[in-house]
Amino acid sequence: MSVTHMGPLHGSERDSAMKNWRYIGMHAVAAAVFIFLLQRYALSATLESSLLWALTFGGCAAGLAYAQSNR
């Protein structure tokens, strides 16, 4: 059973929403940093390529974290 709220978030709902966004952001940053370091230093890729992969993996990680937080 799902309930949708039309108004602003209150109290613990706001805290829960902020924790979810913090979780999603941290997940994205961790994945981006990991893949950047892997590409740049372990695989000796160019800076542009490393940044592109970091952006891609960070976005994918954010999507996965968002899906998991809404389960």
Protein backbone atom coordinates (compact mmCIF):
# COMPACT_ATOMS: atom_id res chain seq x y z
CA MET A 1 0.00 0.00 0.00
CA SER A 2 1.54 3.30 -1.01
CA VAL A 3 0.60 6.76 0.10
CA THR A 4 1.57 9.85 -1.85
CA HIS A 5 1.97 13.21 -0.17
CA MET A 6 0.91 16.34 -1.96
CA GLY A 7 2.32 18.77 0.61
CA PRO A 8 5.78 19.51 2.00
CA LEU A 9 7.72 16.91 3.95
CA HIS A 10 7.52 17.10 7.74
CA GLY A 11 9.79 15.92 10.55
CA SER A 12 11.12 12.40 10.07
CA GLU A 13 10.00 12.31 6.42
CA ARG A 14 12.35 15.20 5.64
CA ASP A 15 15.20 13.51 7.54
CA SER A 16 14.60 10.27 5.67
CA ALA A 17 14.59 12.05 2.31
CA MET A 18 17.85 13.86 3.15
CA LYS A 19 19.51 10.60 4.21
CA ASN A 20 18.48 9.02 0.91
CA TRP A 21 19.96 11.88 -1.14
CA ARG A 22 23.12 11.83 0.98
CA TYR A 23 23.39 8.06 0.43
CA ILE A 24 22.90 8.48 -3.33
CA GLY A 25 25.47 11.28 -3.52
CA MET A 26 28.07 9.41 -1.51
CA HIS A 27 27.55 6.32 -3.65
CA ALA A 28 28.03 8.32 -6.84
CA VAL A 29 31.14 10.13 -5.59
CA ALA A 30 32.76 6.91 -4.33
CA ALA A 31 32.19 5.15 -7.65
CA ALA A 32 33.45 8.14 -9.65
CA VAL A 33 36.61 8.49 -7.57
CA PHE A 34 37.30 4.76 -7.75
CA ILE A 35 36.96 4.51 -11.52
CA PHE A 36 38.91 7.75 -12.07
CA LEU A 37 41.85 6.46 -10.04
CA LEU A 38 41.68 3.07 -11.70
CA GLN A 39 41.60 4.54 -15.21
CA ARG A 40 44.14 7.29 -14.64
CA TYR A 41 46.81 5.51 -12.62
CA ALA A 42 46.33 1.75 -12.96
CA LEU A 43 45.44 1.77 -16.67
CA SER A 44 47.33 4.97 -17.65
CA ALA A 45 44.37 6.46 -19.52
CA THR A 46 44.21 10.11 -20.56
CA LEU A 47 42.71 12.70 -18.25
CA GLU A 48 39.73 13.27 -20.57
CA SER A 49 38.98 9.56 -20.81
CA SER A 50 39.31 9.09 -17.05
CA LEU A 51 36.92 11.98 -16.36
CA LEU A 52 34.40 10.66 -18.87
CA TRP A 53 34.45 7.20 -17.31
CA ALA A 54 34.19 8.73 -13.82
CA LEU A 55 31.13 10.73 -14.87
CA THR A 56 29.54 7.66 -16.47
CA PHE A 57 30.17 5.33 -13.53
CA GLY A 58 29.12 8.01 -11.03
CA GLY A 59 25.83 8.46 -12.86
CA CYS A 60 25.22 4.71 -12.99
CA ALA A 61 26.03 4.36 -9.30
CA ALA A 62 23.63 7.19 -8.46
CA GLY A 63 20.91 5.47 -10.47
CA LEU A 64 21.46 2.18 -8.68
CA ALA A 65 21.53 3.85 -5.26
CA TYR A 66 18.30 5.71 -6.11
CA ALA A 67 16.62 2.46 -7.14
CA GLN A 68 17.75 0.75 -3.94
CA SER A 69 16.65 3.61 -1.70
CA ASN A 70 13.13 3.48 -3.17
CA ARG A 71 12.64 -0.25 -2.62
